[in-house]
Protein backbone atom coordinates (compact mmCIF):
# COMPACT_ATOMS: atom_id res chain seq x y z
CA UNK A 1 0.00 0.00 0.00
CA UNK A 2 1.60 3.28 -1.02
CA UNK A 3 1.68 6.16 1.45
CA UNK A 4 0.07 8.41 -1.18
CA UNK A 5 -3.10 6.32 -1.56
CA UNK A 6 -6.17 8.52 -1.13
CA UNK A 7 -8.99 7.54 1.24
CA UNK A 8 -11.16 6.75 -1.77
CA UNK A 9 -8.49 4.47 -3.29
CA UNK A 10 -8.14 2.68 0.04
CA UNK A 11 -11.90 2.32 0.40
CA UNK A 12 -12.37 1.13 -3.17
CA UNK A 13 -9.72 -1.54 -2.63
CA UNK A 14 -11.41 -2.45 0.64
CA UNK A 15 -14.74 -2.94 -1.10
CA UNK A 16 -13.10 -5.64 -3.23
CA UNK A 17 -13.16 -7.84 -0.14
CA UNK A 18 -16.96 -7.58 -0.05
CA UNK A 19 -17.24 -8.91 -3.62
CA UNK A 20 -17.99 -12.53 -2.51
CA UNK A 21 -20.95 -11.19 -0.52
CA UNK A 22 -22.59 -9.20 -3.31
CA UNK A 23 -25.76 -11.31 -3.23
CA UNK A 24 -26.25 -10.64 0.47
CA UNK A 25 -25.50 -6.95 -0.02
CA UNK A 26 -28.13 -6.65 -2.78
CA UNK A 27 -30.75 -8.14 -0.43
CA UNK A 28 -29.65 -5.66 2.25
CA UNK A 29 -29.81 -2.80 -0.28
CA UNK A 30 -33.37 -3.78 -1.21
CA UNK A 31 -34.22 -3.73 2.50
CA UNK A 32 -32.73 -0.23 2.82
CA UNK A 33 -34.76 1.04 -0.14
CA UNK A 34 -37.99 -0.33 1.34
CA UNK A 35 -37.04 1.08 4.75
CA UNK A 36 -36.37 4.55 3.33
CA UNK A 37 -39.57 4.49 1.24
CA UNK A 38 -41.63 3.42 4.27
CA UNK A 39 -40.08 6.20 6.40
CA UNK A 40 -40.76 8.79 3.73
CA UNK A 41 -44.28 7.41 3.25
CA UNK A 42 -44.96 7.93 6.96
CA UNK A 43 -43.99 11.62 6.81
CA UNK A 44 -46.00 12.19 3.60
CA UNK A 45 -49.09 10.48 5.02
CA UNK A 46 -49.20 13.16 7.73
CA UNK A 47 -50.41 15.63 5.11
CA UNK A 48 -53.74 13.86 4.40
CA UNK A 49 -54.08 12.99 8.11
CA UNK A 50 -53.99 16.69 9.09
CA UNK A 51 -55.97 17.95 6.08
CA UNK A 52 -58.63 15.22 5.90
CA UNK A 53 -59.02 14.29 9.59
CA UNK A 54 -58.67 17.59 11.43
CA UNK A 55 -59.68 20.12 8.76
CA UNK A 56 -62.01 18.37 6.24
CA UNK A 57 -63.39 15.98 8.92
CA UNK A 58 -63.37 13.02 6.46
CA UNK A 59 -64.50 10.10 8.66
CA UNK A 60 -63.83 7.39 6.04
CA UNK A 61 -60.15 8.29 5.70
CA UNK A 62 -59.87 8.75 9.46
CA UNK A 63 -60.21 4.94 9.82
CA UNK A 64 -57.89 3.83 6.99
CA UNK A 65 -55.00 6.27 7.56
CA UNK A 66 -54.02 4.87 11.03
CA UNK A 67 -54.12 1.35 9.53
CA UNK A 68 -51.83 2.56 6.75
CA UNK A 69 -49.37 3.85 9.38
CA UNK A 70 -49.27 0.42 11.09
CA UNK A 71 -48.74 -1.29 7.72
CA UNK A 72 -45.87 1.09 6.89
CA UNK A 73 -44.11 0.35 10.17
CA UNK A 74 -44.56 -3.42 9.79
CA UNK A 75 -43.02 -3.13 6.31
CA UNK A 76 -40.23 -0.95 7.67
CA UNK A 77 -39.49 -3.44 10.48
CA UNK A 78 -39.22 -6.40 8.08
CA UNK A 79 -37.00 -4.40 5.73
CA UNK A 80 -34.82 -3.31 8.69
CA UNK A 81 -34.33 -6.94 9.74
CA UNK A 82 -33.23 -7.91 6.22
CA UNK A 83 -30.80 -5.00 6.18
CA UNK A 84 -29.30 -5.61 9.61
CA UNK A 85 -28.91 -9.39 9.26
CA UNK A 86 -27.40 -9.50 5.78
CA UNK A 87 -25.11 -6.51 6.33
CA UNK A 88 -23.86 -8.09 9.58
CA UNK A 89 -23.28 -11.42 7.81
CA UNK A 90 -21.31 -9.64 5.07
CA UNK A 91 -19.28 -7.56 7.53
CA UNK A 92 -18.29 -10.51 9.69
CA UNK A 93 -17.45 -12.46 6.54
CA UNK A 94 -15.11 -9.69 5.38
CA UNK A 95 -13.41 -9.66 8.81
CA UNK A 96 -12.96 -13.43 8.70
CA UNK A 97 -11.56 -13.35 5.14
CA UNK A 98 -9.13 -10.56 6.04
CA UNK A 99 -7.87 -12.36 9.15
CA UNK A 100 -7.17 -15.53 7.19
CA UNK A 101 -5.56 -13.64 4.32
CA UNK A 102 -3.30 -11.55 6.57
CA UNK A 103 -2.21 -14.55 8.68
CA UNK A 104 -1.46 -16.45 5.46
CA UNK A 105 0.60 -13.48 4.29
CA UNK A 106 2.55 -13.30 7.56
CA UNK A 107 3.44 -16.99 7.16
CA UNK A 108 4.86 -16.21 3.70
CA UNK A 109 6.94 -13.20 4.75
CA UNK A 110 10.72 -13.45 5.16
CA UNK A 111 12.30 -13.77 8.60
CA UNK A 112 13.38 -10.10 8.58
CA UNK A 113 9.73 -9.05 8.98
CA UNK A 114 9.57 -10.83 12.33
CA UNK A 115 12.68 -8.95 13.45
CA UNK A 116 11.14 -5.55 12.69
CA UNK A 117 7.53 -6.10 13.81
CA UNK A 118 6.75 -7.60 17.24
CA UNK A 119 4.15 -10.36 17.41
CA UNK A 120 1.72 -8.27 19.56
CA UNK A 121 1.58 -5.73 16.72
CA UNK A 122 0.74 -8.56 14.33
CA UNK A 123 -2.02 -9.68 16.71
CA UNK A 124 -3.50 -6.16 16.71
CA UNK A 125 -3.64 -6.28 12.90
CA UNK A 126 -5.29 -9.69 12.99
CA UNK A 127 -7.68 -8.67 15.77
CA UNK A 128 -8.97 -5.14 16.19
CA UNK A 129 -7.69 -3.91 12.80
CA UNK A 130 -9.65 -6.62 10.98
CA UNK A 131 -12.79 -5.72 12.95
CA UNK A 132 -12.34 -2.01 12.23
CA UNK A 133 -11.91 -2.77 8.54
CA UNK A 134 -15.09 -4.87 8.51
CA UNK A 135 -16.88 -1.92 10.08
CA UNK A 136 -15.53 0.40 7.41
CA UNK A 137 -16.18 -1.98 4.53
CA UNK A 138 -19.72 -3.00 5.45
CA UNK A 139 -21.07 -1.53 8.69
CA UNK A 140 -20.13 2.06 7.83
CA UNK A 141 -21.39 1.45 4.29
CA UNK A 142 -24.70 0.33 5.78
CA UNK A 143 -25.09 3.50 7.85
CA UNK A 144 -24.02 5.72 4.94
CA UNK A 145 -26.36 4.11 2.40
CA UNK A 146 -29.21 3.67 4.86
CA UNK A 147 -29.13 7.23 6.17
CA UNK A 148 -28.40 8.71 2.73
CA UNK A 149 -31.43 6.90 1.26
CA UNK A 150 -33.49 8.05 4.23
CA UNK A 151 -32.34 11.65 3.73
CA UNK A 152 -32.96 11.49 -0.04
CA UNK A 153 -36.43 9.98 0.44
CA UNK A 154 -37.30 12.71 2.94
CA UNK A 155 -35.88 15.30 0.57
CA UNK A 156 -38.15 13.87 -2.13
CA UNK A 157 -41.15 14.29 0.17
CA UNK A 158 -40.15 17.90 0.82
CA UNK A 159 -39.77 18.69 -2.89
CA UNK A 160 -43.08 16.98 -3.65
CA UNK A 161 -44.79 18.97 -0.91
CA UNK A 162 -43.18 22.37 -1.64
CA UNK A 163 -40.13 22.78 -3.83
CA UNK A 164 -39.92 26.48 -2.93
CA UNK A 165 -39.43 25.73 0.78
CA UNK A 166 -37.01 22.90 -0.01
CA UNK A 167 -34.73 25.12 -2.13
CA UNK A 168 -34.65 27.72 0.67
CA UNK A 169 -33.57 25.06 3.20
CA UNK A 170 -31.01 23.52 0.79
CA UNK A 171 -28.64 26.49 1.24
CA UNK A 172 -27.42 24.66 4.39
CA UNK A 173 -26.00 21.76 2.33
CA UNK A 174 -22.58 23.28 1.31
CA UNK A 175 -21.52 24.31 4.86
CA UNK A 176 -22.67 20.87 6.12
CA UNK A 177 -20.54 19.10 3.49
CA UNK A 178 -17.56 21.31 4.45
CA UNK A 179 -17.92 20.36 8.14
CA UNK A 180 -18.13 16.64 7.31
CA UNK A 181 -15.00 16.84 5.11
CA UNK A 182 -13.00 18.56 7.87
CA UNK A 183 -14.21 16.04 10.44
CA UNK A 184 -13.25 13.14 8.14
CA UNK A 185 -9.70 14.41 7.69
CA UNK A 186 -9.22 14.87 11.44
CA UNK A 187 -10.64 11.41 12.22
CA UNK A 188 -8.31 9.81 9.71
CA UNK A 189 -5.24 11.56 11.16
CA UNK A 190 -6.06 10.63 14.76
CA UNK A 191 -7.13 7.06 13.90
CA UNK A 192 -3.66 6.21 12.56
CA UNK A 193 -2.16 7.29 15.88
CA UNK A 194 -4.78 5.39 17.90
CA UNK A 195 -4.06 2.11 16.10
CA UNK A 196 -0.30 2.47 16.62
CA UNK A 197 -0.84 3.39 20.26
CA UNK A 198 -3.11 0.32 20.68
CA UNK A 199 -0.34 -1.94 19.34
CA UNK A 200 2.16 -0.38 21.76
CA UNK A 201 -0.30 -0.90 24.62
CA UNK A 202 -0.62 -4.61 23.78
CA UNK A 203 3.16 -4.98 23.40
CA UNK A 204 3.85 -3.40 26.81
CA UNK A 205 1.27 -5.64 28.50
CA UNK A 206 2.58 -8.74 26.70
CA UNK A 207 6.15 -8.05 27.85
CA UNK A 208 5.13 -7.44 31.46
CA UNK A 209 2.85 -10.50 31.69
CA UNK A 210 5.06 -12.90 29.73
CA UNK A 211 8.04 -12.00 31.93
CA UNK A 212 6.07 -11.71 35.17
CA UNK A 213 8.60 -13.76 37.16
CA UNK A 214 11.50 -11.46 36.27
CA UNK A 215 9.27 -8.42 36.90
CA UNK A 216 8.48 -9.67 40.42
CA UNK A 217 11.99 -10.85 41.32
CA UNK A 218 13.57 -7.55 40.27
CA UNK A 219 10.82 -5.44 41.81
CA UNK A 220 9.97 -3.91 38.44
CA UNK A 221 6.21 -3.69 38.93
CA UNK A 222 6.32 0.13 39.33
CA UNK A 223 8.54 0.45 36.25
CA UNK A 224 6.26 -1.68 34.09
CA UNK A 225 3.13 0.05 35.42
CA UNK A 226 4.68 3.46 34.70
CA UNK A 227 5.57 2.37 31.16
CA UNK A 228 2.11 0.90 30.58
CA UNK A 229 0.42 3.91 32.19
CA UNK A 230 2.24 6.36 29.92
CA UNK A 231 1.12 4.49 26.80
CA UNK A 232 -2.42 4.16 28.21
CA UNK A 233 -2.48 7.93 28.86
CA UNK A 234 -1.49 8.55 25.24
CA UNK A 235 -4.22 6.18 24.05
CA UNK A 236 -6.75 7.95 26.31
CA UNK A 237 -5.71 11.36 24.99
CA UNK A 238 -6.16 10.24 21.39
CA UNK A 239 -9.51 8.58 22.19
CA UNK A 240 -10.75 11.79 23.81
CA UNK A 241 -9.65 13.73 20.72
CA UNK A 242 -11.84 11.44 18.61
CA UNK A 243 -14.81 11.88 20.95
CA UNK A 244 -14.27 15.65 21.05
CA UNK A 245 -14.20 15.81 17.26
CA UNK A 246 -17.32 13.66 17.01
CA UNK A 247 -19.19 15.73 19.58
CA UNK A 248 -18.27 19.09 18.01
CA UNK A 249 -19.21 17.81 14.57
CA UNK A 250 -22.53 16.48 15.87
CA UNK A 251 -23.27 19.80 17.58
CA UNK A 252 -22.45 21.66 14.36
CA UNK A 253 -24.83 19.45 12.39
CA UNK A 254 -27.58 20.04 14.94
CA UNK A 255 -26.93 23.82 14.87
CA UNK A 256 -27.20 23.82 11.10
CA UNK A 257 -30.34 21.71 11.38
CA UNK A 258 -31.91 24.27 13.72
CA UNK A 259 -30.99 27.09 11.32
CA UNK A 260 -32.54 25.05 8.51
CA UNK A 261 -35.66 24.53 10.62
CA UNK A 262 -35.90 28.27 11.26
CA UNK A 263 -35.58 28.92 7.53
CA UNK A 264 -38.28 26.32 6.89
CA UNK A 265 -40.67 28.09 9.29
CA UNK A 266 -39.92 31.46 7.73
CA UNK A 267 -40.42 30.39 4.10
CA UNK A 268 -43.31 28.00 4.88
CA UNK A 269 -45.27 30.78 6.58
CA UNK A 270 -44.79 32.94 3.46
CA UNK A 271 -45.99 30.08 1.23
CA UNK A 272 -48.99 29.47 3.53
CA UNK A 273 -49.99 33.15 3.37
CA UNK A 274 -49.81 32.90 -0.43
CA UNK A 275 -52.13 29.85 -0.36
CA UNK A 276 -49.56 27.47 -1.81
CA UNK A 277 -49.05 25.37 1.34
CA UNK A 278 -51.68 23.62 3.45
CA UNK A 279 -51.49 22.86 7.17
CA UNK A 280 -50.95 19.19 6.39
CA UNK A 281 -48.20 20.07 3.91
CA UNK A 282 -46.46 22.16 6.55
CA UNK A 283 -46.59 19.26 9.04
CA UNK A 284 -45.17 16.90 6.39
CA UNK A 285 -42.35 19.36 5.69
CA UNK A 286 -41.66 19.84 9.37
CA UNK A 287 -41.57 16.08 10.08
CA UNK A 288 -39.35 15.44 7.05
CA UNK A 289 -36.94 18.11 8.22
CA UNK A 290 -36.94 16.78 11.81
CA UNK A 291 -36.39 13.21 10.60
CA UNK A 292 -33.59 14.32 8.29
CA UNK A 293 -31.51 15.88 11.10
CA UNK A 294 -30.83 12.54 12.92
CA UNK A 295 -30.00 10.95 9.54
CA UNK A 296 -27.46 13.68 8.81
CA UNK A 297 -26.12 13.43 12.36
CA UNK A 298 -25.54 9.67 11.94
CA UNK A 299 -23.77 10.35 8.66
CA UNK A 300 -21.41 12.65 10.57
CA UNK A 301 -20.89 10.15 13.39
CA UNK A 302 -20.10 7.35 10.95
CA UNK A 303 -16.93 9.26 10.04
CA UNK A 304 -15.33 7.87 13.21
CA UNK A 305 -16.06 4.27 12.22
CA UNK A 306 -15.11 4.87 8.59
CA UNK A 307 -11.86 6.70 9.22
CA UNK A 308 -10.67 4.22 11.86
CA UNK A 309 -11.51 1.46 9.42
CA UNK A 310 -9.52 3.13 6.64
CA UNK A 311 -6.56 3.62 8.99
CA UNK A 312 -6.75 -0.09 9.87
CA UNK A 313 -7.11 -1.00 6.20
CA UNK A 314 -3.87 0.83 5.40
CA UNK A 315 -2.10 -1.13 8.17
CA UNK A 316 -3.45 -4.42 6.78
CA UNK A 317 -2.62 -3.49 3.19
CA UNK A 318 0.91 -2.69 4.37
CA UNK A 319 1.19 -6.39 5.27
CA UNK A 320 -0.63 -7.70 2.19
CA UNK A 321 1.56 -5.57 -0.11
CA UNK A 322 4.85 -6.66 1.48
CA UNK A 323 7.05 -8.87 -0.68
CA UNK A 324 6.80 -12.62 -0.04
CA UNK A 325 9.84 -14.77 0.62
CA UNK A 326 11.73 -15.14 -2.64
CA UNK A 327 10.69 -18.47 -4.13
CA UNK A 328 11.82 -18.43 -7.73
CA UNK A 329 13.59 -21.79 -7.80
CA UNK A 330 12.45 -24.35 -10.34
CA UNK A 331 14.72 -27.32 -9.57
CA UNK A 332 12.76 -30.22 -8.07
CA UNK A 333 14.16 -32.12 -5.12
CA UNK A 334 12.59 -35.37 -3.91
CA UNK A 335 15.26 -36.31 -1.34
CA UNK A 336 18.59 -34.61 -0.90
CA UNK A 337 21.91 -36.40 -0.41
CA UNK A 338 22.51 -33.86 2.38
CA UNK A 339 25.73 -32.26 1.10
CA UNK A 340 25.74 -28.68 2.45
CA UNK A 341 28.40 -26.16 1.41
CA UNK A 342 28.92 -22.51 2.39
CA UNK A 343 31.09 -20.45 0.03
CA UNK A 344 32.28 -17.07 1.37
CA UNK A 345 28.84 -16.29 2.81
CA UNK A 346 28.17 -12.84 4.30
CA UNK A 347 24.85 -12.04 5.97
CA UNK A 348 23.51 -8.83 7.47
CA UNK A 349 20.28 -8.04 9.31
CA UNK A 350 18.25 -5.09 7.94
CA UNK A 351 19.37 -1.77 9.40
CA UNK A 352 22.59 -3.21 10.89
CA UNK A 353 25.97 -1.74 9.95
CA UNK A 354 28.06 -4.74 10.96
CA UNK A 355 27.46 -8.07 9.19
CA UNK A 356 26.16 -10.91 11.36
CA UNK A 357 28.37 -13.31 9.35
CA UNK A 358 31.45 -12.59 7.20
CA UNK A 359 33.16 -14.86 4.64
CA UNK A 360 31.85 -18.15 6.04
CA UNK A 361 33.09 -21.21 4.12
CA UNK A 362 32.77 -24.88 5.10
CA UNK A 363 31.38 -28.20 3.87
CA UNK A 364 29.03 -30.47 5.88
CA UNK A 365 28.99 -33.94 4.34
CA UNK A 366 26.28 -36.64 4.57
CA UNK A 367 26.61 -38.84 7.65
CA UNK A 368 28.79 -36.32 9.52
CA UNK A 369 28.22 -34.00 12.48
CA UNK A 370 29.29 -30.36 12.20
CA UNK A 371 29.30 -28.51 15.51
CA UNK A 372 29.09 -24.72 15.61
CA UNK A 373 30.34 -23.06 18.79
CA UNK A 374 31.23 -19.58 19.96
CA UNK A 375 30.39 -16.85 22.41
CA UNK A 376 26.86 -15.43 22.56
CA UNK A 377 26.21 -13.14 19.58
CA UNK A 378 28.93 -14.68 17.43
CA UNK A 379 26.47 -15.57 14.63
CA UNK A 380 25.74 -19.26 15.33
CA UNK A 381 21.93 -19.04 15.03
CA UNK A 382 22.18 -16.76 12.01
CA UNK A 383 24.29 -19.36 10.21
CA UNK A 384 21.79 -22.19 10.57
CA UNK A 385 18.83 -19.93 9.67
CA UNK A 386 20.39 -19.42 6.24
CA UNK A 387 20.10 -23.12 5.33
CA UNK A 388 16.25 -23.29 5.24
CA UNK A 389 16.34 -19.73 3.81
CA UNK A 390 14.65 -17.99 6.72
CA UNK A 391 17.09 -15.28 5.61
CA UNK A 392 19.08 -14.91 2.40
CA UNK A 393 22.80 -14.05 2.46
CA UNK A 394 24.04 -10.66 1.33
CA UNK A 395 26.96 -12.24 -0.53
CA UNK A 396 28.37 -15.68 -1.27
CA UNK A 397 26.56 -18.95 -1.93
CA UNK A 398 24.98 -21.78 0.04
CA UNK A 399 24.87 -25.04 -1.94
CA UNK A 400 22.84 -28.19 -1.39
CA UNK A 401 23.97 -31.22 -3.39
CA UNK A 402 26.09 -28.87 -5.51
CA UNK A 403 23.32 -26.43 -6.45
CA UNK A 404 22.54 -23.01 -4.88
CA UNK A 405 19.65 -23.31 -2.42
CA UNK A 406 17.85 -20.53 -4.35
CA UNK A 407 17.54 -22.92 -7.31
CA UNK A 408 15.18 -25.18 -5.34
CA UNK A 409 11.56 -24.49 -4.59
CA UNK A 410 11.26 -23.36 -0.98
CA UNK A 411 8.84 -26.14 -0.04
CA UNK A 412 11.16 -28.80 -1.50
CA UNK A 413 14.20 -27.31 0.24
CA UNK A 414 12.51 -27.21 3.65
CA UNK A 415 11.28 -30.79 3.32
CA UNK A 416 14.96 -31.84 3.50
CA UNK A 417 15.44 -30.24 6.92
CA UNK A 418 14.38 -31.22 10.44
CA UNK A 419 14.89 -28.64 13.18
CA UNK A 420 15.10 -29.14 16.95
CA UNK A 421 15.63 -25.87 18.80
CA UNK A 422 16.20 -24.81 22.39
CA UNK A 423 12.78 -23.15 22.49
CA UNK A 424 10.47 -25.95 21.33
CA UNK A 425 7.28 -24.66 19.72
CA UNK A 426 4.33 -26.94 20.41
CA UNK A 427 0.71 -26.16 19.65
CA UNK A 428 -2.57 -26.45 21.49
CA UNK A 429 -3.57 -29.99 20.55
CA UNK A 430 -2.79 -33.62 21.31
CA UNK A 431 0.62 -35.29 21.60
CA UNK A 432 -0.05 -37.11 18.29
CA UNK A 433 -1.01 -33.89 16.47
CA UNK A 434 2.19 -32.19 17.67
CA UNK A 435 4.45 -35.04 16.57
CA UNK A 436 2.67 -35.72 13.25
CA UNK A 437 2.59 -32.00 12.48
CA UNK A 438 2.03 -30.22 9.15
CA UNK A 439 2.90 -32.46 6.19
CA UNK A 440 3.40 -35.35 8.62
CA UNK A 441 -0.26 -35.40 9.71
CA UNK A 442 -1.11 -38.40 7.51
CA UNK A 443 1.60 -40.59 9.09
CA UNK A 444 0.38 -44.01 10.22
CA UNK A 445 0.12 -44.99 13.89
CA UNK A 446 3.02 -47.41 13.68
CA UNK A 447 5.45 -44.79 12.34
CA UNK A 448 4.26 -42.37 15.02
CA UNK A 449 4.88 -44.97 17.75
CA UNK A 450 8.40 -45.69 16.42
CA UNK A 451 9.24 -41.97 16.46
CA UNK A 452 7.89 -41.52 19.99
CA UNK A 453 9.82 -44.57 21.21
CA UNK A 454 13.02 -43.49 19.49
CA UNK A 455 12.78 -40.08 21.15
CA UNK A 456 12.52 -41.62 24.66
CA UNK A 457 9.07 -40.06 24.94
CA UNK A 458 7.10 -43.28 25.50
CA UNK A 459 7.83 -43.40 29.22
CA UNK A 460 6.00 -40.14 29.97
CA UNK A 461 3.35 -40.44 27.23
CA UNK A 462 2.18 -43.79 28.66
CA UNK A 463 1.48 -42.06 31.97
CA UNK A 464 -0.75 -39.41 30.33
CA UNK A 465 -4.53 -39.95 30.72
CA UNK A 466 -5.18 -40.57 27.02
CA UNK A 467 -1.70 -41.47 25.82
CA UNK A 468 -0.82 -39.86 22.47
CA UNK A 469 -4.35 -38.41 22.29
CA UNK A 470 -3.86 -36.32 25.44
CA UNK A 471 -4.13 -32.53 24.92
CA UNK A 472 -0.93 -30.76 26.02
CA UNK A 473 -2.24 -27.18 26.32
CA UNK A 474 -1.14 -23.94 24.64
CA UNK A 475 2.59 -24.11 23.73
CA UNK A 476 2.74 -27.53 25.43
CA UNK A 477 2.29 -25.87 28.82
CA UNK A 478 1.24 -29.15 30.52
CA UNK A 479 4.64 -30.73 29.81
CA UNK A 480 8.10 -30.17 31.30
CA UNK A 481 10.98 -28.76 29.25
CA UNK A 482 12.54 -32.18 28.74
CA UNK A 483 9.22 -33.70 27.67
CA UNK A 484 8.64 -30.92 25.15
CA UNK A 485 12.16 -31.40 23.80
CA UNK A 486 11.60 -35.14 23.33
CA UNK A 487 8.37 -34.45 21.39
CA UNK A 488 10.36 -32.14 19.11
CA UNK A 489 12.89 -34.94 18.55
CA UNK A 490 10.03 -37.40 17.85
CA UNK A 491 8.71 -34.93 15.26
CA UNK A 492 12.17 -34.78 13.63
CA UNK A 493 12.43 -38.60 13.68
CA UNK A 494 9.04 -38.92 12.02
CA UNK A 495 10.06 -36.45 9.32
CA UNK A 496 13.22 -38.49 8.62
CA UNK A 497 14.86 -35.57 6.76
CA UNK A 498 18.43 -35.92 5.39
CA UNK A 499 19.55 -32.69 7.14
CA UNK A 500 19.18 -32.26 10.90
CA UNK A 501 19.69 -28.91 12.63
CA UNK A 502 20.04 -28.89 16.43
CA UNK A 503 20.01 -25.42 17.98
CA UNK A 504 21.29 -25.81 21.57
CA UNK A 505 18.75 -28.60 22.03
CA UNK A 506 19.92 -29.55 25.55
CA UNK A 507 21.03 -26.15 26.89
CA UNK A 508 18.08 -25.51 29.20
CA UNK A 509 17.59 -29.04 30.58
CA UNK A 510 18.39 -30.68 33.89
CA UNK A 511 20.87 -33.56 33.98
CA UNK A 512 18.29 -36.37 33.82
CA UNK A 513 16.34 -34.76 30.96
CA UNK A 514 19.59 -33.98 29.14
CA UNK A 515 20.66 -37.62 29.34
CA UNK A 516 17.32 -38.80 27.87
CA UNK A 517 17.38 -36.14 25.14
CA UNK A 518 21.05 -36.79 24.30
CA UNK A 519 20.34 -40.52 24.02
CA UNK A 520 17.40 -39.77 21.68
CA UNK A 521 19.58 -37.45 19.57
CA UNK A 522 22.24 -40.13 19.16
CA UNK A 523 19.56 -42.37 17.63
CA UNK A 524 18.34 -39.53 15.40
CA UNK A 525 21.68 -38.32 14.04
CA UNK A 526 23.21 -41.30 12.14
CA UNK A 527 23.08 -41.27 8.32
CA UNK A 528 22.17 -37.58 8.22
CA UNK A 529 24.01 -34.33 7.75
CA UNK A 530 23.82 -32.92 11.25
CA UNK A 531 24.60 -29.32 12.22
CA UNK A 532 24.71 -28.70 15.96
CA UNK A 533 24.85 -25.39 17.77
CA UNK A 534 26.40 -26.43 21.04
CA UNK A 535 26.40 -24.57 24.32
CA UNK A 536 27.87 -27.42 26.36
CA UNK A 537 31.08 -28.42 24.61
CA UNK A 538 31.05 -31.82 26.33
CA UNK A 539 28.13 -32.82 24.06
CA UNK A 540 30.13 -32.42 20.81
CA UNK A 541 33.33 -34.30 21.61
CA UNK A 542 32.57 -36.82 18.84
CA UNK A 543 31.67 -34.24 16.16
CA UNK A 544 33.44 -34.75 12.81
CA UNK A 545 34.28 -31.04 12.61
CA UNK A 546 33.87 -28.08 14.95
CA UNK A 547 33.54 -24.53 13.62
CA UNK A 548 34.44 -21.83 16.14
CA UNK A 549 32.74 -18.50 15.42
CA UNK A 550 33.72 -15.14 16.82
CA UNK A 551 32.17 -11.84 15.74
CA UNK A 552 30.63 -13.49 12.68
CA UNK A 553 33.80 -15.18 11.39
CA UNK A 554 35.16 -18.72 11.58
CA UNK A 555 38.30 -18.28 13.65
CA UNK A 556 39.08 -21.97 14.25
CA UNK A 557 38.06 -25.32 12.77
CA UNK A 558 38.94 -28.94 13.38
CA UNK A 559 38.00 -31.85 15.62
CA UNK A 560 37.48 -31.52 19.38
CA UNK A 561 40.94 -32.90 20.21
CA UNK A 562 42.68 -30.82 17.50
CA UNK A 563 41.13 -27.60 18.76
CA UNK A 564 42.04 -28.37 22.38
CA UNK A 565 45.61 -28.96 21.25
CA UNK A 566 45.70 -25.59 19.43
CA UNK A 567 45.04 -23.77 22.72
CA UNK A 568 42.93 -21.06 21.06
CA UNK A 569 39.40 -19.76 21.67
CA UNK A 570 37.83 -23.23 21.71
CA UNK A 571 40.30 -24.43 24.33
CA UNK A 572 39.59 -21.27 26.35
CA UNK A 573 35.83 -21.85 26.23
CA UNK A 574 36.34 -25.52 27.14
CA UNK A 575 38.53 -24.65 30.16
CA UNK A 576 35.91 -22.14 31.39
CA UNK A 577 33.11 -24.76 31.16
CA UNK A 578 35.32 -27.40 32.77
CA UNK A 579 35.97 -25.09 35.74
CA UNK A 580 32.22 -24.31 35.97
CA UNK A 581 31.46 -28.04 36.01
CA UNK A 582 34.01 -28.61 38.79
């Protein structure tokens, strides 16, 4: 979405999302037409009621006219139900479609997007922004069309009754349009700020609640409350600005309505003296004018809903217009041999001056274990994220089976890789659904059982109430760290990919859990190309090669014993850990 897009361009694009619901919208539009006609009919029927009942004393019409009023309101009620139900169904449908589309887009965006936009901000876009957009696309449209039709129908009654009076009152239209335009611009400006402030509010709360243990231990409750309070104050200030704008605009519309009413009385009395306007006609004009004021007031108030919706739409279009992960490869890959080669690879995160990796070259051969070690921040995680192309290098090449990874289709490339990280991501579902996840969901029960057994997970799964069909809660919250780690290993075993990436898989575990996980990993690793980020150097003593990273460069390489003999950085890190262990 370009920054120069006009509100109309944004709204027109937004209306494209309502295209699948055109049938429902036509039914709602018919309901609005009937509703407006019935409302206008009620005001016009007041003319014969006054003239025939109270002046001409026509007893026959005195019976039928009240019945006609009841019939009009029954018709209006049925039409209103059609309008409300089908507009609501369309609006909620648009919100649902947008949520799904935006989440799908997020899942196709490159890893750099997740570095620049926090997840709470993404949740705001998927939540309140989608609702605001649905309000703009359909709910605001309903109010605008409904009240505009009502106003036009009432204007038709006024012209029919006395065009001279109507023209005199119409002089109020230009200043009213000017007020509504000014209000719309102000709403739009403030709404952008409100949505950003709302995202910041959610982010601050998410940080404080997610890290509640650290907040309590370090006595940071006042700090977090102050931070949250400052953002909440800003949100309150912006919200009050919106309400102030709405209230002033509403008051201005009512003031103009009263001036219009005064003009109507003035001109209508002149027309009555000239014999061109009856008492019933005057009542019909008066009621039309009085009914038109609330319609115009609602049209002013809908600016809030519309402008917030347009601001939200621009935020959603910013996501939908972002470039997907590059996936231009055409080479098919059923199963890789697992030969991974880095050739002078340099990688840099967006906005960073210093590269995260510089001139990285090595070969990881099938059936071997390559360990990657180094101080925190040396570039270890960045290196392994380049293999499944979560990021693309700035320079150099990464080859798989002799071909650049960009030559392969992304889906094919990622099918060759199993990943077990330190932070295991499990989902709210059963044990079986978390092991047989994604493309593995059609795996048979026997293969699932083999994977679970191989990962040393059977011993705790058998104690669960429903075995593999036991729900494990959001993010696997009902399991311990070691149990979650073993499910991740079971998932990798079930995938049986030729390349295995282990990102500090045992770093956060106790001794007993580490022993079980390490035993499971030793069963998983043979006959694969394994790349291990190791925190505990004792776990990689049997690695075929060890790459020592420092400040994004490979400063040492060799086997465990060779590197100890060199007495360099690896030996220094090993001595430090050995002393810690003692």
